[in-house]
Amino acid sequence: MASLEFKLPDLGEGLTEAEIVRWLVEVGDVVAVDQPVVEVETAKAMVEVPCPYGGVVTARFGEEGTELPVGSPLLTVAVGADGAAMGGGDAGSGSSGGSDAGSRSGSGADSGGDSGSGNVLVGYGTTAPAARRRRVRAEGAVNGRAAVADPVPVAAAPVVAPVADTGPVPVISPLVRRLARDNGLDLRQLSGSGPEGLILRSDVEQAIRQPEPDPVAVTAPVQRPAPAGTAERIPLKGVRGAVADKLSRSRREIPDATCWVDADATALMAARTAMNSVGNGPKVSVLALLARICTAALARFPELNSTVDMDAREVVRLPEVHLGFAAQTERGLVVPVVRAAHTRNVESLGEELVRLTDAARAGKLTPAQLTGGTFTLNNYGVFGVDGSTPIINHPEAAMLGVGRIVPKPWVYEGELAVRKVVQLSLTFDHRVCDGGTAGGFLRYVADCVEHPELLLRTL
């Protein structure tokens, strides 16, 4: 019997730490190869971390809400001499194979044999087919816990694992956990109104609104509100911390400039209405039309689809357009990326925008879906504002901002009329181009908004 230590793996994209949102296993559980054991939140997204080998969980390191650096121990798993999970039987089908399991690195070596890990994160995993991922129990388990015959030494950890018999908190949403944590609520003291006692967001909000209970009747410590006149300190971590770091770096490194123009979007809105009145396909959104206009403009002005390599003192023009778009979620501002946007038509762009937006709102975007953009489209008009001077999404070279589309007085065909007008702004890196190029790009975008038929030339 051997004990393997599984460490928080490198999740890619330069991430150095992650916060434990929810444990998916407890001490005594039997885990199969590739079974997700913990849900963590990085500065990029929510990620379920799978364990690359099977066995019995003997320790968990870190409580929910704890932030751990990459390489810190997550849990230890006891495996038999033959690599099978203790207790034998059903669990063995999902455990690691081979007799050298005890010598494997706890940071994520593969499981050996044909049952190796199929999940590949940076730092661990193999490309072998994944074993089944459902949770199994070892034979001889008592009260839902595996009966471990021999004591297994557990490596020391900076955080003591929580007591196993407290049971999991009936919460699915990480947003509910964060809301409770930010307001000093102990979820174990709440009764959920959802199916099978599931704690919902409304339960937490109701508890926040209720008067503070008598401290004598409460066994768990409750965080009290700050005294009047005391400044509130909010940690810059997670998504908010990543946004702060990236925007600060953009301001430090990029000499940006902004130009803007008002455009008559009446014809664009009419074209959208006409497109949605024919056929049975999904409705075309304004954002999808603007995304297609962006890719057409970048084909004419490739200087803006680039980045700057200051070490080599070179402007690097990129061959593909990976279009990011700003999306506001409960976790903060995120920028999902539509891959190979230059190869997509309006319908394909619209479908991908909807898919990524839904994933962003559910907190299910992966780090890969939030990185690698080459140009960003920012529709701040949804907030009811006309204009903005957005900060470039480093290391990109430009961002197109779109304000709200509203009826305004406009001179149309020599006469004053009420037209649907939008303000467009382009913030660009002055190292990659001069104002003539930036102005040409923005003018072409405005012309396509005013005369959508211009897009027919590039479809």
Protein backbone atom coordinates (compact mmCIF):
# COMPACT_ATOMS: atom_id res chain seq x y z
CA MET A 1 0.00 0.00 0.00
CA ALA A 2 1.35 3.42 -0.91
CA SER A 3 0.18 6.98 -0.50
CA LEU A 4 0.42 9.37 -3.44
CA GLU A 5 0.25 13.13 -3.02
CA PHE A 6 -1.69 14.97 -5.71
CA LYS A 7 -0.64 18.60 -6.07
CA LEU A 8 -2.45 21.53 -7.65
CA PRO A 9 -1.33 21.28 -11.31
CA ASP A 10 -0.25 24.08 -13.59
CA LEU A 11 -3.55 25.10 -15.23
CA GLY A 12 -1.78 26.96 -18.04
CA GLU A 13 -1.70 30.55 -19.32
CA GLY A 14 0.78 31.63 -16.63
CA LEU A 15 -1.64 31.05 -13.75
CA THR A 16 0.20 30.67 -10.46
CA GLU A 17 -2.62 30.14 -7.96
CA ALA A 18 -6.24 29.07 -7.63
CA GLU A 19 -8.97 29.31 -5.01
CA ILE A 20 -10.76 26.20 -3.78
CA VAL A 21 -14.45 26.73 -4.52
CA ARG A 22 -15.91 23.30 -3.82
CA TRP A 23 -14.55 19.90 -2.84
CA LEU A 24 -16.10 17.09 -4.88
CA VAL A 25 -14.73 14.27 -2.69
CA GLU A 26 -14.22 13.70 1.03
CA VAL A 27 -11.71 11.84 3.16
CA GLY A 28 -12.52 8.15 2.87
CA ASP A 29 -14.03 8.35 -0.61
CA VAL A 30 -12.76 6.05 -3.33
CA VAL A 31 -11.87 7.92 -6.51
CA ALA A 32 -11.42 6.59 -10.02
CA VAL A 33 -8.87 7.68 -12.60
CA ASP A 34 -9.77 11.10 -14.05
CA GLN A 35 -12.57 11.67 -11.54
CA PRO A 36 -12.91 15.40 -10.73
CA VAL A 37 -11.96 15.91 -7.09
CA VAL A 38 -12.12 19.68 -6.61
CA GLU A 39 -13.52 22.76 -8.32
CA VAL A 40 -11.15 25.73 -8.29
CA GLU A 41 -11.43 29.29 -9.48
CA THR A 42 -8.49 30.83 -11.24
CA ALA A 43 -8.08 34.35 -12.50
CA LYS A 44 -9.43 33.06 -15.81
CA ALA A 45 -12.29 30.65 -15.11
CA MET A 46 -13.82 27.89 -13.01
CA VAL A 47 -11.99 24.58 -13.52
CA GLU A 48 -12.78 21.06 -12.31
CA VAL A 49 -9.48 19.37 -11.50
CA PRO A 50 -9.38 15.59 -12.15
CA CYS A 51 -7.14 13.21 -10.19
CA PRO A 52 -4.85 11.25 -12.54
CA TYR A 53 -4.96 8.01 -10.52
CA GLY A 54 -7.41 5.99 -8.43
CA GLY A 55 -7.47 5.09 -4.76
CA VAL A 56 -8.83 6.12 -1.37
CA VAL A 57 -8.69 9.78 -0.33
CA THR A 58 -6.77 9.92 2.96
CA ALA A 59 -6.43 13.71 3.33
CA ARG A 60 -7.58 16.98 1.77
CA PHE A 61 -5.45 20.09 2.03
CA GLY A 62 -7.24 23.43 2.10
CA GLU A 63 -10.74 24.49 3.03
CA GLU A 64 -13.21 25.98 0.57
CA GLY A 65 -12.26 29.61 0.03
CA THR A 66 -8.54 28.93 0.54
CA GLU A 67 -6.17 30.23 -2.17
CA LEU A 68 -3.34 27.83 -3.01
CA PRO A 69 -0.27 28.30 -5.22
CA VAL A 70 0.43 25.88 -8.06
CA GLY A 71 2.37 22.90 -6.70
CA SER A 72 0.69 22.90 -3.28
CA PRO A 73 -0.74 19.56 -2.08
CA LEU A 74 -4.44 19.10 -2.83
CA LEU A 75 -5.02 15.62 -1.45
CA THR A 76 -3.37 12.28 -0.80
CA VAL A 77 -4.64 9.02 -2.27
CA ALA A 78 -3.82 5.57 -0.92
CA VAL A 79 -3.33 2.87 -3.54
CA GLY A 80 -2.57 -0.82 -3.20
CA ALA A 81 0.67 -2.47 -4.23
CA ASP A 82 -0.94 -3.49 -7.50
CA GLY A 83 -2.15 0.05 -8.18
CA ALA A 84 -5.79 -0.76 -7.40
CA ALA A 85 -7.90 1.24 -5.01
CA MET A 86 -8.15 -0.21 -1.52
CA GLY A 87 -11.24 -2.29 -1.03
CA GLY A 88 -10.87 -3.93 -4.46
CA GLY A 89 -13.99 -4.85 -6.39
CA ASP A 90 -15.62 -2.11 -8.41
CA ALA A 91 -13.12 0.57 -7.53
CA GLY A 92 -10.30 -1.28 -9.23
CA SER A 93 -11.65 -0.56 -12.68
CA GLY A 94 -10.98 3.13 -12.29
CA SER A 95 -7.65 3.04 -10.53
CA SER A 96 -4.14 3.28 -11.80
CA GLY A 97 -2.40 0.21 -13.08
CA GLY A 98 1.12 -1.09 -12.70
CA SER A 99 3.12 -2.13 -9.63
CA ASP A 100 5.22 1.02 -9.44
CA ALA A 101 2.40 3.32 -8.42
CA GLY A 102 4.05 4.05 -5.11
CA SER A 103 7.07 5.57 -6.82
CA ARG A 104 5.09 7.91 -9.02
CA SER A 105 5.21 11.64 -8.49
CA GLY A 106 2.23 13.06 -6.62
CA SER A 107 2.20 16.09 -8.88
CA GLY A 108 0.56 14.17 -11.62
CA ALA A 109 2.47 11.33 -13.26
CA ASP A 110 0.31 9.12 -15.38
CA SER A 111 -1.36 6.08 -13.87
CA GLY A 112 0.43 3.53 -15.93
CA GLY A 113 -0.98 0.64 -17.95
CA ASP A 114 -3.98 1.13 -20.19
CA SER A 115 -6.03 2.93 -17.56
CA GLY A 116 -3.94 6.07 -17.54
CA SER A 117 -5.40 9.52 -17.20
CA GLY A 118 -7.15 10.82 -20.27
CA ASN A 119 -7.30 14.37 -18.93
CA VAL A 120 -4.30 16.40 -19.93
CA LEU A 121 -3.62 19.55 -17.94
CA VAL A 122 -0.25 21.21 -18.01
CA GLY A 123 2.05 19.21 -15.77
CA TYR A 124 0.22 15.90 -15.60
CA GLY A 125 -1.98 13.46 -17.44
CA THR A 126 -1.62 11.10 -20.41
CA THR A 127 -3.37 10.64 -23.69
CA ALA A 128 -4.70 7.19 -22.90
CA PRO A 129 -8.48 6.72 -22.90
CA ALA A 130 -10.06 7.97 -19.70
CA ALA A 131 -11.51 5.50 -17.22
CA ARG A 132 -15.08 5.97 -16.04
CA ARG A 133 -15.52 8.97 -13.78
CA ARG A 134 -18.43 8.11 -11.49
CA ARG A 135 -17.74 8.02 -7.76
CA VAL A 136 -17.41 4.51 -6.34
CA ARG A 137 -17.24 3.20 -2.79
CA ALA A 138 -14.85 0.59 -1.49
CA GLU A 139 -16.22 -2.69 -0.11
CA GLY A 140 -16.47 -2.73 3.65
CA ALA A 141 -17.20 1.01 3.83
CA VAL A 142 -18.75 2.23 7.06
CA ASN A 143 -21.21 5.12 6.99
CA GLY A 144 -20.20 6.01 3.44
CA ARG A 145 -16.46 5.97 4.24
CA ALA A 146 -13.89 3.41 3.14
CA ALA A 147 -12.54 1.15 5.90
CA VAL A 148 -8.77 1.58 5.74
CA ALA A 149 -6.99 -1.41 7.19
CA ASP A 150 -3.57 0.13 7.72
CA PRO A 151 -2.71 3.69 8.71
CA VAL A 152 -1.31 5.72 5.84
CA PRO A 153 1.21 8.47 6.56
CA VAL A 154 -0.03 11.86 5.35
CA ALA A 155 2.33 14.61 4.28
CA ALA A 156 2.23 17.79 6.33
CA ALA A 157 0.22 20.62 4.81
CA PRO A 158 -0.12 24.31 5.61
CA VAL A 159 -3.89 23.96 6.04
CA VAL A 160 -5.54 21.23 8.13
CA ALA A 161 -8.09 19.20 6.20
CA PRO A 162 -11.67 19.71 7.40
CA VAL A 163 -13.27 16.98 9.50
CA ALA A 164 -14.82 14.43 7.19
CA ASP A 165 -17.96 13.76 9.20
CA THR A 166 -19.30 17.27 8.74
CA GLY A 167 -20.56 16.31 5.29
CA PRO A 168 -20.73 18.47 2.17
CA VAL A 169 -22.63 21.74 2.13
CA PRO A 170 -25.70 21.36 -0.16
CA VAL A 171 -24.64 24.10 -2.57
CA ILE A 172 -23.99 23.75 -6.29
CA SER A 173 -23.38 27.33 -7.40
CA PRO A 174 -19.95 28.83 -6.63
CA LEU A 175 -21.62 32.24 -6.83
CA VAL A 176 -23.81 31.33 -3.87
CA ARG A 177 -20.74 30.25 -1.90
CA ARG A 178 -18.96 33.50 -2.69
CA LEU A 179 -22.00 35.59 -1.73
CA ALA A 180 -22.21 33.82 1.61
CA ARG A 181 -18.47 34.09 2.23
CA ASP A 182 -18.39 37.81 1.40
CA ASN A 183 -21.20 38.44 3.89
CA GLY A 184 -19.79 36.29 6.69
CA LEU A 185 -22.51 33.60 6.51
CA ASP A 186 -21.92 29.99 7.51
CA LEU A 187 -23.75 27.92 4.91
CA ARG A 188 -24.00 25.01 7.33
CA GLN A 189 -26.39 27.10 9.44
CA LEU A 190 -28.82 27.66 6.53
CA SER A 191 -31.72 25.49 5.41
CA GLY A 192 -32.04 25.30 1.64
CA SER A 193 -35.36 25.77 -0.13
CA GLY A 194 -34.28 23.92 -3.27
CA PRO A 195 -34.68 20.24 -4.17
CA GLU A 196 -33.33 17.94 -1.43
CA GLY A 197 -32.41 20.94 0.71
CA LEU A 198 -30.24 22.62 -1.94
CA ILE A 199 -29.20 26.11 -0.81
CA LEU A 200 -30.19 28.70 -3.40
CA ARG A 201 -29.07 32.27 -3.88
CA SER A 202 -32.44 33.48 -2.55
CA ASP A 203 -31.78 31.59 0.70
CA VAL A 204 -28.47 33.40 1.18
CA GLU A 205 -29.94 36.80 0.30
CA GLN A 206 -32.79 36.25 2.76
CA ALA A 207 -30.29 35.36 5.49
CA ILE A 208 -28.33 38.53 4.74
CA ARG A 209 -31.48 40.65 5.10
CA GLN A 210 -32.50 39.07 8.41
CA PRO A 211 -31.45 40.69 11.73
CA GLU A 212 -28.27 39.28 13.19
CA PRO A 213 -29.13 36.32 15.49
CA ASP A 214 -28.34 36.13 19.18
CA PRO A 215 -24.64 35.19 19.38
CA VAL A 216 -25.37 32.92 22.34
CA ALA A 217 -27.56 30.71 20.14
CA VAL A 218 -25.00 30.40 17.36
CA THR A 219 -22.09 28.03 17.67
CA ALA A 220 -20.26 29.09 14.50
CA PRO A 221 -18.53 32.49 14.50
CA VAL A 222 -20.33 35.15 12.46
CA GLN A 223 -18.43 37.98 10.81
CA ARG A 224 -19.93 41.26 11.99
CA PRO A 225 -20.28 44.34 9.79
CA ALA A 226 -17.55 46.94 10.03
CA PRO A 227 -18.17 49.76 12.50
CA ALA A 228 -19.59 52.99 11.12
CA GLY A 229 -16.91 55.14 9.54
CA THR A 230 -14.54 52.22 8.85
CA ALA A 231 -13.41 51.84 5.23
CA GLU A 232 -14.26 48.53 3.61
CA ARG A 233 -11.33 46.60 2.13
CA ILE A 234 -12.09 44.27 -0.78
CA PRO A 235 -9.29 41.88 -1.85
CA LEU A 236 -8.19 42.19 -5.47
CA LYS A 237 -8.13 38.51 -6.34
CA GLY A 238 -9.72 36.11 -8.77
CA VAL A 239 -11.21 37.71 -11.86
CA ARG A 240 -11.18 41.22 -10.37
CA GLY A 241 -7.47 40.88 -9.51
CA ALA A 242 -6.62 39.57 -12.98
CA VAL A 243 -8.51 42.45 -14.61
CA ALA A 244 -6.71 44.97 -12.39
CA ASP A 245 -3.30 43.55 -13.28
CA LYS A 246 -4.01 43.42 -17.00
CA LEU A 247 -5.45 46.93 -17.25
CA SER A 248 -2.58 48.38 -15.20
CA ARG A 249 -0.06 46.68 -17.47
CA SER A 250 -1.87 47.99 -20.55
CA ARG A 251 -1.73 51.54 -19.25
CA ARG A 252 1.97 51.22 -18.35
CA GLU A 253 3.16 49.65 -21.59
CA ILE A 254 0.87 50.77 -24.41
CA PRO A 255 0.90 54.35 -25.75
CA ASP A 256 -2.76 54.33 -26.70
CA ALA A 257 -4.83 56.90 -28.56
CA THR A 258 -8.57 57.07 -29.27
CA CYS A 259 -10.59 58.36 -32.21
CA TRP A 260 -14.35 58.27 -32.58
CA VAL A 261 -17.15 59.00 -35.03
CA ASP A 262 -20.96 59.09 -35.04
CA ALA A 263 -22.65 56.84 -37.58
CA ASP A 264 -26.20 56.53 -38.89
CA ALA A 265 -27.17 52.94 -38.05
CA THR A 266 -30.70 53.15 -39.47
CA ALA A 267 -29.85 51.06 -42.53
CA LEU A 268 -27.99 48.45 -40.43
CA MET A 269 -30.98 48.00 -38.13
CA ALA A 270 -33.31 47.75 -41.11
CA ALA A 271 -31.04 45.12 -42.70
CA ARG A 272 -31.08 43.13 -39.45
CA THR A 273 -34.87 43.23 -39.34
CA ALA A 274 -35.04 42.02 -42.94
CA MET A 275 -32.58 39.19 -42.28
CA ASN A 276 -34.58 38.00 -39.28
CA SER A 277 -37.85 38.05 -41.22
CA VAL A 278 -36.76 35.33 -43.65
CA GLY A 279 -35.70 31.77 -43.06
CA ASN A 280 -35.96 29.62 -39.96
CA GLY A 281 -32.45 30.07 -38.63
CA PRO A 282 -31.41 31.78 -35.38
CA LYS A 283 -32.00 35.50 -35.11
CA VAL A 284 -29.14 37.75 -36.17
CA SER A 285 -27.90 40.01 -33.37
CA VAL A 286 -26.45 43.49 -33.72
CA LEU A 287 -23.27 42.21 -32.08
CA ALA A 288 -22.89 39.49 -34.73
CA LEU A 289 -23.21 42.10 -37.50
CA LEU A 290 -20.63 44.33 -35.82
CA ALA A 291 -18.30 41.36 -35.39
CA ARG A 292 -18.53 40.62 -39.12
CA ILE A 293 -17.85 44.28 -39.89
CA CYS A 294 -14.76 44.10 -37.64
CA THR A 295 -13.31 41.10 -39.46
CA ALA A 296 -13.89 42.81 -42.82
CA ALA A 297 -12.19 45.98 -41.57
CA LEU A 298 -9.22 44.03 -40.18
CA ALA A 299 -8.75 42.37 -43.58
CA ARG A 300 -8.30 45.89 -45.02
CA PHE A 301 -6.20 47.20 -42.11
CA PRO A 302 -4.16 44.23 -40.80
CA GLU A 303 -1.91 46.57 -38.82
CA LEU A 304 -4.54 46.59 -36.07
CA ASN A 305 -4.54 42.79 -35.77
CA SER A 306 -1.08 42.68 -34.29
CA THR A 307 1.01 42.82 -31.14
CA VAL A 308 4.31 44.45 -30.18
CA ASP A 309 7.41 42.49 -29.20
CA MET A 310 9.51 45.08 -27.39
CA ASP A 311 12.34 42.62 -26.66
CA ALA A 312 12.85 42.17 -30.40
CA ARG A 313 11.58 45.68 -31.15
CA GLU A 314 9.17 44.31 -33.74
CA VAL A 315 5.50 44.68 -34.60
CA VAL A 316 4.09 41.19 -35.12
CA ARG A 317 1.15 41.08 -37.55
CA LEU A 318 -0.99 38.05 -36.79
CA PRO A 319 -2.36 35.84 -39.58
CA GLU A 320 -5.67 34.97 -37.87
CA VAL A 321 -8.35 37.05 -36.19
CA HIS A 322 -9.36 35.73 -32.78
CA LEU A 323 -12.08 38.18 -31.81
CA GLY A 324 -12.61 38.92 -28.13
CA PHE A 325 -15.79 40.56 -26.90
CA ALA A 326 -16.41 42.09 -23.50
CA ALA A 327 -19.08 40.36 -21.40
CA GLN A 328 -20.28 41.51 -17.98
CA THR A 329 -21.07 38.65 -15.60
CA GLU A 330 -21.72 38.21 -11.89
CA ARG A 331 -18.02 37.31 -11.51
CA GLY A 332 -17.00 40.55 -13.19
CA LEU A 333 -15.87 41.57 -16.66
CA VAL A 334 -14.59 38.74 -18.86
CA VAL A 335 -13.52 38.68 -22.51
CA PRO A 336 -14.37 35.38 -24.26
CA VAL A 337 -12.64 34.81 -27.60
CA VAL A 338 -14.23 33.70 -30.88
CA ARG A 339 -11.55 31.62 -32.58
CA ALA A 340 -10.84 32.13 -36.29
CA ALA A 341 -13.50 34.84 -36.52
CA HIS A 342 -12.24 35.84 -39.98
CA THR A 343 -13.47 32.50 -41.36
CA ARG A 344 -17.02 32.84 -40.01
CA ASN A 345 -20.12 34.39 -41.53
CA VAL A 346 -22.71 36.38 -39.59
CA GLU A 347 -24.72 33.32 -38.60
CA SER A 348 -21.67 31.40 -37.37
CA LEU A 349 -20.42 34.43 -35.44
CA GLY A 350 -23.83 34.84 -33.83
CA GLU A 351 -23.99 31.21 -32.71
CA GLU A 352 -20.51 31.35 -31.19
CA LEU A 353 -21.22 34.66 -29.43
CA VAL A 354 -24.33 33.15 -27.83
CA ARG A 355 -22.51 29.97 -26.80
CA LEU A 356 -19.63 31.81 -25.18
CA THR A 357 -21.91 34.34 -23.49
CA ASP A 358 -23.97 31.55 -21.92
CA ALA A 359 -20.80 29.83 -20.70
CA ALA A 360 -19.52 33.12 -19.26
CA ARG A 361 -22.73 33.73 -17.30
CA ALA A 362 -22.63 30.18 -15.95
CA GLY A 363 -18.98 30.59 -14.93
CA LYS A 364 -17.97 27.68 -17.18
CA LEU A 365 -15.48 29.34 -19.51
CA THR A 366 -12.14 27.58 -19.68
CA PRO A 367 -8.82 29.46 -19.61
CA ALA A 368 -8.37 28.65 -23.29
CA GLN A 369 -11.67 30.40 -24.12
CA LEU A 370 -10.52 33.56 -22.34
CA THR A 371 -7.08 33.95 -23.85
CA GLY A 372 -5.40 34.33 -27.22
CA GLY A 373 -7.50 37.18 -28.57
CA THR A 374 -6.02 39.46 -31.24
CA PHE A 375 -8.70 42.21 -31.33
CA THR A 376 -11.56 43.10 -28.98
CA LEU A 377 -15.09 44.34 -29.65
CA ASN A 378 -16.60 46.19 -26.68
CA ASN A 379 -20.35 46.88 -26.81
CA TYR A 380 -20.72 49.25 -23.84
CA GLY A 381 -23.98 50.53 -25.31
CA VAL A 382 -25.76 47.79 -23.32
CA PHE A 383 -25.05 49.92 -20.23
CA GLY A 384 -26.99 52.82 -21.72
CA VAL A 385 -23.97 55.01 -22.50
CA ASP A 386 -22.99 56.67 -25.77
CA GLY A 387 -19.21 56.77 -25.66
CA SER A 388 -16.09 55.54 -23.90
CA THR A 389 -12.31 55.46 -24.19
CA PRO A 390 -11.67 51.79 -23.41
CA ILE A 391 -8.34 50.40 -22.25
CA ILE A 392 -6.70 48.04 -24.75
CA ASN A 393 -6.79 44.37 -23.81
CA HIS A 394 -3.02 43.75 -23.50
CA PRO A 395 -1.17 42.47 -25.55
CA GLU A 396 -3.58 43.32 -28.36
CA ALA A 397 -3.18 46.49 -30.43
CA ALA A 398 -6.73 47.85 -30.65
CA MET A 399 -10.29 47.75 -29.38
CA LEU A 400 -13.49 48.91 -31.08
CA GLY A 401 -16.09 50.42 -28.74
CA VAL A 402 -19.78 50.66 -29.62
CA GLY A 403 -22.24 52.91 -27.81
CA ARG A 404 -26.01 52.66 -27.61
CA ILE A 405 -28.06 53.03 -30.78
CA VAL A 406 -30.65 55.77 -30.16
CA PRO A 407 -32.87 58.07 -32.24
CA LYS A 408 -31.22 61.45 -32.80
CA PRO A 409 -31.59 64.44 -35.12
CA TRP A 410 -29.51 63.78 -38.25
CA VAL A 411 -29.07 65.42 -41.61
CA TYR A 412 -30.17 62.77 -44.09
CA GLU A 413 -30.20 63.45 -47.84
CA GLY A 414 -29.99 67.17 -47.21
CA GLU A 415 -32.82 67.37 -44.71
CA LEU A 416 -33.12 67.11 -40.95
CA ALA A 417 -34.53 63.76 -39.89
CA VAL A 418 -34.68 61.46 -36.87
CA ARG A 419 -32.26 58.59 -37.42
CA LYS A 420 -30.81 55.77 -35.32
CA VAL A 421 -27.33 56.97 -34.43
CA VAL A 422 -24.42 55.17 -32.76
CA GLN A 423 -21.05 56.44 -31.59
CA LEU A 424 -18.06 54.27 -32.54
CA SER A 425 -14.65 54.63 -30.91
CA LEU A 426 -11.32 53.00 -31.69
CA THR A 427 -8.54 52.86 -29.10
CA PHE A 428 -5.29 51.76 -30.70
CA ASP A 429 -1.62 51.21 -29.92
CA HIS A 430 0.19 54.11 -31.54
CA ARG A 431 3.29 51.93 -31.96
CA VAL A 432 1.62 49.72 -34.57
CA CYS A 433 0.16 52.45 -36.75
CA ASP A 434 -0.47 56.18 -37.10
CA GLY A 435 -3.74 58.06 -37.02
CA GLY A 436 -4.28 57.66 -40.75
CA THR A 437 -4.56 53.88 -40.47
CA ALA A 438 -6.70 54.05 -37.34
CA GLY A 439 -8.95 56.65 -38.94
CA GLY A 440 -9.25 54.57 -42.10
CA PHE A 441 -10.27 51.51 -40.10
CA LEU A 442 -12.88 53.42 -38.11
CA ARG A 443 -14.24 55.16 -41.18
CA TYR A 444 -14.66 51.83 -42.98
CA VAL A 445 -16.54 50.42 -39.96
CA ALA A 446 -18.81 53.47 -39.93
CA ASP A 447 -19.41 53.19 -43.68
CA CYS A 448 -20.47 49.54 -43.27
CA VAL A 449 -22.82 50.53 -40.46
CA GLU A 450 -24.38 53.24 -42.63
CA HIS A 451 -24.32 51.17 -45.85
CA PRO A 452 -24.47 47.43 -44.98
CA GLU A 453 -24.36 46.60 -48.68
CA LEU A 454 -20.62 47.29 -48.54
CA LEU A 455 -20.23 43.98 -46.67
CA LEU A 456 -21.50 42.13 -49.73
CA ARG A 457 -18.13 42.79 -51.32
CA THR A 458 -16.37 40.71 -48.66
CA LEU A 459 -18.91 37.90 -48.05
